[in-house]
Amino acid sequence: MTRWWGPLMQFHGNPIPKDEDPMYVWRIKSQGNEEARQQFLDGYVPQIWELGLTVPDPNLRKNDDGVWEYTEPDWDELRSVVTGHGPKSQERLDLRRRARENSAWVRQVVLAQAA
């Protein structure tokens, strides 16, 4: 749970107002990032707690008005990861490179047969 909580909280996107989010304005998304995050928390946190598990956010709680409070995700970390500078980026890129090299023969055979 600890490994994935940060990425789960970042998943719905940065805290941009939905009126300024092109994805919402262009109707690619039906709700703003914070609405989606609140919906996620409403759906899953009670189930997590019901299983007796804990969430690695000491600030996580639901207000009397039904809004979840939480620790703001580390947006700099997300920016670093999506630009290829995350802690596992090099390992992931190396794996992709090896997989491409190992499957080169398949592409060569397919291209030779197509010619």
N, C-alpha and C. Protein backbone atom coordinates (compact mmCIF):
# COMPACT_ATOMS: atom_id res chain seq x y z
N MET A 1 0.83 -1.18 0.00
CA MET A 1 0.00 0.00 0.00
C MET A 1 0.88 1.25 0.00
N THR A 2 1.97 1.23 0.77
CA THR A 2 2.82 2.41 0.87
C THR A 2 3.43 2.76 -0.49
N ARG A 3 3.86 1.76 -1.26
CA ARG A 3 4.48 2.00 -2.56
C ARG A 3 3.53 2.68 -3.53
N TRP A 4 2.25 2.30 -3.50
CA TRP A 4 1.32 2.75 -4.51
C TRP A 4 0.44 3.92 -4.11
N TRP A 5 0.45 4.30 -2.84
CA TRP A 5 -0.47 5.37 -2.43
C TRP A 5 -0.16 6.70 -3.13
N GLY A 6 1.10 7.08 -3.21
CA GLY A 6 1.46 8.33 -3.88
C GLY A 6 1.02 8.34 -5.34
N PRO A 7 1.39 7.32 -6.12
CA PRO A 7 0.93 7.28 -7.51
C PRO A 7 -0.60 7.25 -7.64
N LEU A 8 -1.28 6.58 -6.73
CA LEU A 8 -2.75 6.57 -6.79
C LEU A 8 -3.31 7.97 -6.59
N MET A 9 -2.73 8.72 -5.68
CA MET A 9 -3.21 10.08 -5.44
C MET A 9 -2.84 11.03 -6.58
N GLN A 10 -1.77 10.72 -7.29
CA GLN A 10 -1.37 11.54 -8.43
C GLN A 10 -2.15 11.17 -9.70
N PHE A 11 -2.71 9.98 -9.71
CA PHE A 11 -3.32 9.42 -10.91
C PHE A 11 -4.35 10.33 -11.56
N HIS A 12 -5.16 10.98 -10.79
CA HIS A 12 -6.26 11.79 -11.34
C HIS A 12 -5.80 13.15 -11.83
N GLY A 13 -4.54 13.47 -11.63
CA GLY A 13 -4.01 14.71 -12.18
C GLY A 13 -3.80 15.80 -11.15
N ASN A 14 -3.13 16.83 -11.62
CA ASN A 14 -2.79 17.95 -10.73
C ASN A 14 -4.03 18.75 -10.35
N PRO A 15 -3.88 19.61 -9.36
CA PRO A 15 -5.06 20.33 -8.84
C PRO A 15 -5.47 21.54 -9.70
N ILE A 16 -5.59 21.34 -10.99
CA ILE A 16 -6.04 22.41 -11.88
C ILE A 16 -7.56 22.52 -11.79
N PRO A 17 -8.08 23.74 -11.73
CA PRO A 17 -9.55 23.88 -11.73
C PRO A 17 -10.12 23.28 -13.02
N LYS A 18 -11.24 22.59 -12.92
CA LYS A 18 -11.75 21.88 -14.09
C LYS A 18 -12.06 22.83 -15.24
N ASP A 19 -12.43 24.07 -14.96
CA ASP A 19 -12.72 25.04 -16.03
C ASP A 19 -11.46 25.41 -16.81
N GLU A 20 -10.29 25.14 -16.24
CA GLU A 20 -9.03 25.45 -16.92
C GLU A 20 -8.36 24.19 -17.49
N ASP A 21 -8.97 23.04 -17.29
CA ASP A 21 -8.41 21.78 -17.75
C ASP A 21 -8.91 21.50 -19.17
N PRO A 22 -8.01 21.56 -20.17
CA PRO A 22 -8.45 21.32 -21.55
C PRO A 22 -9.17 19.99 -21.74
N MET A 23 -8.76 18.97 -21.01
CA MET A 23 -9.40 17.66 -21.14
C MET A 23 -10.87 17.73 -20.72
N TYR A 24 -11.18 18.53 -19.73
CA TYR A 24 -12.56 18.70 -19.28
C TYR A 24 -13.31 19.63 -20.24
N VAL A 25 -12.67 20.72 -20.59
CA VAL A 25 -13.30 21.71 -21.48
C VAL A 25 -13.65 21.07 -22.82
N TRP A 26 -12.78 20.21 -23.34
CA TRP A 26 -13.01 19.56 -24.63
C TRP A 26 -13.87 18.30 -24.49
N ARG A 27 -14.35 18.06 -23.27
CA ARG A 27 -15.25 16.94 -22.96
C ARG A 27 -14.62 15.56 -23.17
N ILE A 28 -13.30 15.51 -23.01
CA ILE A 28 -12.62 14.23 -23.02
C ILE A 28 -12.83 13.56 -21.67
N LYS A 29 -12.85 14.40 -20.61
CA LYS A 29 -13.14 13.93 -19.25
C LYS A 29 -14.48 14.51 -18.82
N SER A 30 -15.19 13.77 -17.99
CA SER A 30 -16.51 14.23 -17.55
C SER A 30 -16.49 14.91 -16.19
N GLN A 31 -15.32 14.90 -15.54
CA GLN A 31 -15.23 15.54 -14.24
C GLN A 31 -13.81 16.08 -14.05
N GLY A 32 -13.70 17.01 -13.12
CA GLY A 32 -12.39 17.58 -12.84
C GLY A 32 -11.53 16.60 -12.05
N ASN A 33 -10.24 16.93 -11.97
CA ASN A 33 -9.28 16.05 -11.29
C ASN A 33 -9.65 15.84 -9.82
N GLU A 34 -9.99 16.93 -9.13
CA GLU A 34 -10.30 16.79 -7.71
C GLU A 34 -11.59 16.00 -7.50
N GLU A 35 -12.57 16.19 -8.36
CA GLU A 35 -13.80 15.40 -8.27
C GLU A 35 -13.49 13.91 -8.43
N ALA A 36 -12.65 13.59 -9.40
CA ALA A 36 -12.28 12.20 -9.63
C ALA A 36 -11.53 11.63 -8.43
N ARG A 37 -10.63 12.43 -7.85
CA ARG A 37 -9.87 11.96 -6.69
C ARG A 37 -10.82 11.73 -5.50
N GLN A 38 -11.76 12.64 -5.29
CA GLN A 38 -12.72 12.48 -4.19
C GLN A 38 -13.59 11.23 -4.41
N GLN A 39 -13.98 10.99 -5.65
CA GLN A 39 -14.78 9.80 -5.96
C GLN A 39 -13.97 8.53 -5.69
N PHE A 40 -12.69 8.54 -6.07
CA PHE A 40 -11.82 7.41 -5.79
C PHE A 40 -11.74 7.17 -4.28
N LEU A 41 -11.50 8.23 -3.51
CA LEU A 41 -11.38 8.09 -2.06
C LEU A 41 -12.68 7.58 -1.46
N ASP A 42 -13.82 8.11 -1.92
CA ASP A 42 -15.13 7.65 -1.43
C ASP A 42 -15.33 6.16 -1.69
N GLY A 43 -14.88 5.70 -2.84
CA GLY A 43 -15.12 4.32 -3.21
C GLY A 43 -14.18 3.31 -2.57
N TYR A 44 -12.93 3.72 -2.36
CA TYR A 44 -11.94 2.72 -1.95
C TYR A 44 -11.45 2.82 -0.52
N VAL A 45 -11.33 4.00 0.02
CA VAL A 45 -10.79 4.11 1.38
C VAL A 45 -11.66 3.36 2.40
N PRO A 46 -12.99 3.50 2.37
CA PRO A 46 -13.79 2.72 3.32
C PRO A 46 -13.57 1.22 3.19
N GLN A 47 -13.38 0.73 1.96
CA GLN A 47 -13.13 -0.69 1.76
C GLN A 47 -11.76 -1.09 2.30
N ILE A 48 -10.77 -0.23 2.10
CA ILE A 48 -9.43 -0.48 2.63
C ILE A 48 -9.48 -0.57 4.15
N TRP A 49 -10.18 0.37 4.77
CA TRP A 49 -10.29 0.37 6.23
C TRP A 49 -11.08 -0.84 6.72
N GLU A 50 -12.12 -1.23 5.98
CA GLU A 50 -12.94 -2.37 6.37
C GLU A 50 -12.11 -3.66 6.39
N LEU A 51 -11.12 -3.73 5.52
CA LEU A 51 -10.23 -4.89 5.49
C LEU A 51 -9.19 -4.86 6.61
N GLY A 52 -9.19 -3.78 7.38
CA GLY A 52 -8.24 -3.67 8.48
C GLY A 52 -6.89 -3.13 8.05
N LEU A 53 -6.81 -2.62 6.83
CA LEU A 53 -5.55 -2.06 6.34
C LEU A 53 -5.48 -0.58 6.67
N THR A 54 -4.29 -0.05 6.62
CA THR A 54 -4.12 1.38 6.86
C THR A 54 -3.64 2.05 5.58
N VAL A 55 -3.92 3.31 5.49
CA VAL A 55 -3.49 4.13 4.36
C VAL A 55 -2.32 4.97 4.85
N PRO A 56 -1.23 5.03 4.08
CA PRO A 56 -0.03 5.74 4.54
C PRO A 56 -0.14 7.26 4.42
N ASP A 57 -1.23 7.82 4.88
CA ASP A 57 -1.41 9.27 4.90
C ASP A 57 -2.05 9.64 6.24
N PRO A 58 -1.25 10.17 7.15
CA PRO A 58 -1.80 10.50 8.47
C PRO A 58 -2.85 11.60 8.44
N ASN A 59 -2.92 12.36 7.36
CA ASN A 59 -3.89 13.45 7.25
C ASN A 59 -5.20 13.03 6.60
N LEU A 60 -5.29 11.79 6.16
CA LEU A 60 -6.49 11.34 5.46
C LEU A 60 -7.66 11.21 6.43
N ARG A 61 -8.69 11.97 6.12
CA ARG A 61 -9.93 11.89 6.89
C ARG A 61 -11.04 12.54 6.09
N LYS A 62 -12.25 12.18 6.43
CA LYS A 62 -13.41 12.74 5.75
C LYS A 62 -14.03 13.81 6.65
N ASN A 63 -14.19 15.00 6.13
CA ASN A 63 -14.80 16.10 6.88
C ASN A 63 -16.28 15.85 7.11
N ASP A 64 -16.86 16.65 7.99
CA ASP A 64 -18.29 16.55 8.26
C ASP A 64 -19.12 16.84 7.01
N ASP A 65 -18.57 17.64 6.09
CA ASP A 65 -19.30 17.95 4.87
C ASP A 65 -19.08 16.91 3.76
N GLY A 66 -18.39 15.82 4.09
CA GLY A 66 -18.21 14.72 3.16
C GLY A 66 -17.02 14.84 2.22
N VAL A 67 -16.17 15.84 2.42
CA VAL A 67 -15.00 16.04 1.57
C VAL A 67 -13.78 15.42 2.24
N TRP A 68 -13.01 14.67 1.47
CA TRP A 68 -11.80 14.04 2.00
C TRP A 68 -10.68 15.05 2.08
N GLU A 69 -9.99 15.04 3.20
CA GLU A 69 -8.75 15.80 3.37
C GLU A 69 -7.62 14.80 3.25
N TYR A 70 -6.54 15.21 2.62
CA TYR A 70 -5.40 14.32 2.42
C TYR A 70 -4.15 15.17 2.26
N THR A 71 -3.02 14.51 2.34
CA THR A 71 -1.75 15.18 2.10
C THR A 71 -1.62 15.40 0.60
N GLU A 72 -1.29 16.61 0.22
CA GLU A 72 -1.15 16.93 -1.21
C GLU A 72 -0.09 16.04 -1.85
N PRO A 73 -0.40 15.43 -2.99
CA PRO A 73 0.59 14.58 -3.66
C PRO A 73 1.84 15.38 -4.05
N ASP A 74 2.91 14.68 -4.21
CA ASP A 74 4.19 15.31 -4.61
C ASP A 74 4.18 15.48 -6.13
N TRP A 75 3.78 16.66 -6.58
CA TRP A 75 3.66 16.91 -8.02
C TRP A 75 5.02 17.00 -8.70
N ASP A 76 6.05 17.42 -7.97
CA ASP A 76 7.40 17.44 -8.55
C ASP A 76 7.87 16.03 -8.85
N GLU A 77 7.55 15.09 -7.96
CA GLU A 77 7.91 13.69 -8.19
C GLU A 77 7.22 13.17 -9.45
N LEU A 78 5.94 13.46 -9.61
CA LEU A 78 5.20 13.01 -10.79
C LEU A 78 5.82 13.61 -12.05
N ARG A 79 6.11 14.89 -12.02
CA ARG A 79 6.73 15.54 -13.18
C ARG A 79 8.05 14.87 -13.53
N SER A 80 8.82 14.53 -12.52
CA SER A 80 10.10 13.87 -12.73
C SER A 80 9.91 12.49 -13.38
N VAL A 81 8.94 11.74 -12.90
CA VAL A 81 8.69 10.39 -13.43
C VAL A 81 8.21 10.45 -14.88
N VAL A 82 7.24 11.32 -15.17
CA VAL A 82 6.68 11.33 -16.53
C VAL A 82 7.65 11.93 -17.55
N THR A 83 8.67 12.61 -17.10
CA THR A 83 9.67 13.12 -18.04
C THR A 83 10.89 12.21 -18.12
N GLY A 84 10.78 11.00 -17.53
CA GLY A 84 11.84 10.02 -17.66
C GLY A 84 12.97 10.17 -16.66
N HIS A 85 12.72 10.83 -15.54
CA HIS A 85 13.75 11.05 -14.53
C HIS A 85 13.39 10.44 -13.18
N GLY A 86 12.48 9.49 -13.17
CA GLY A 86 12.05 8.86 -11.93
C GLY A 86 13.06 7.85 -11.43
N PRO A 87 12.85 7.33 -10.23
CA PRO A 87 13.81 6.39 -9.62
C PRO A 87 13.96 5.09 -10.39
N LYS A 88 12.95 4.69 -11.15
CA LYS A 88 13.01 3.43 -11.90
C LYS A 88 13.05 3.65 -13.41
N SER A 89 13.18 4.88 -13.84
CA SER A 89 13.13 5.18 -15.28
C SER A 89 14.20 4.46 -16.06
N GLN A 90 15.43 4.51 -15.62
CA GLN A 90 16.51 3.88 -16.36
C GLN A 90 16.32 2.37 -16.44
N GLU A 91 15.89 1.77 -15.34
CA GLU A 91 15.64 0.33 -15.33
C GLU A 91 14.54 -0.04 -16.32
N ARG A 92 13.46 0.75 -16.35
CA ARG A 92 12.35 0.50 -17.26
C ARG A 92 12.78 0.67 -18.71
N LEU A 93 13.55 1.72 -18.98
CA LEU A 93 14.03 1.96 -20.34
C LEU A 93 14.99 0.87 -20.80
N ASP A 94 15.84 0.40 -19.89
CA ASP A 94 16.75 -0.71 -20.22
C ASP A 94 15.96 -1.97 -20.58
N LEU A 95 14.92 -2.26 -19.83
CA LEU A 95 14.08 -3.42 -20.10
C LEU A 95 13.44 -3.30 -21.49
N ARG A 96 12.93 -2.12 -21.80
CA ARG A 96 12.34 -1.90 -23.13
C ARG A 96 13.36 -2.10 -24.23
N ARG A 97 14.55 -1.57 -24.02
CA ARG A 97 15.62 -1.68 -25.01
C ARG A 97 15.99 -3.16 -25.25
N ARG A 98 16.14 -3.91 -24.17
CA ARG A 98 16.47 -5.34 -24.29
C ARG A 98 15.35 -6.11 -25.00
N ALA A 99 14.10 -5.79 -24.66
CA ALA A 99 12.97 -6.48 -25.29
C ALA A 99 12.95 -6.17 -26.78
N ARG A 100 13.23 -4.95 -27.14
CA ARG A 100 13.26 -4.59 -28.56
C ARG A 100 14.40 -5.32 -29.28
N GLU A 101 15.55 -5.36 -28.65
CA GLU A 101 16.68 -6.07 -29.26
C GLU A 101 16.39 -7.56 -29.41
N ASN A 102 15.79 -8.16 -28.38
CA ASN A 102 15.49 -9.59 -28.40
C ASN A 102 14.41 -9.97 -29.41
N SER A 103 13.58 -9.02 -29.78
CA SER A 103 12.51 -9.32 -30.73
C SER A 103 12.79 -8.77 -32.12
N ALA A 104 13.99 -8.29 -32.35
CA ALA A 104 14.34 -7.73 -33.66
C ALA A 104 14.17 -8.77 -34.77
N TRP A 105 14.50 -10.01 -34.48
CA TRP A 105 14.40 -11.06 -35.50
C TRP A 105 12.97 -11.23 -36.00
N VAL A 106 11.99 -11.02 -35.12
CA VAL A 106 10.59 -11.16 -35.52
C VAL A 106 10.25 -10.08 -36.55
N ARG A 107 10.65 -8.86 -36.28
CA ARG A 107 10.40 -7.77 -37.22
C ARG A 107 11.09 -8.03 -38.55
N GLN A 108 12.31 -8.54 -38.49
CA GLN A 108 13.05 -8.84 -39.73
C GLN A 108 12.35 -9.89 -40.56
N VAL A 109 11.86 -10.95 -39.92
CA VAL A 109 11.15 -12.02 -40.63
C VAL A 109 9.86 -11.48 -41.24
N VAL A 110 9.10 -10.73 -40.47
CA VAL A 110 7.82 -10.20 -40.97
C VAL A 110 8.07 -9.25 -42.14
N LEU A 111 9.06 -8.38 -42.01
CA LEU A 111 9.35 -7.45 -43.10
C LEU A 111 9.88 -8.16 -44.34
N ALA A 112 10.67 -9.22 -44.16
CA ALA A 112 11.18 -9.99 -45.28
C ALA A 112 10.04 -10.69 -46.02
N GLN A 113 9.09 -11.21 -45.27
CA GLN A 113 7.96 -11.90 -45.90
C GLN A 113 7.03 -10.92 -46.60
N ALA A 114 6.96 -9.71 -46.09
CA ALA A 114 6.09 -8.69 -46.68
C ALA A 114 6.68 -8.15 -47.99
N ALA A 115 7.99 -8.26 -48.16
CA ALA A 115 8.64 -7.70 -49.35
C ALA A 115 8.50 -8.54 -50.58
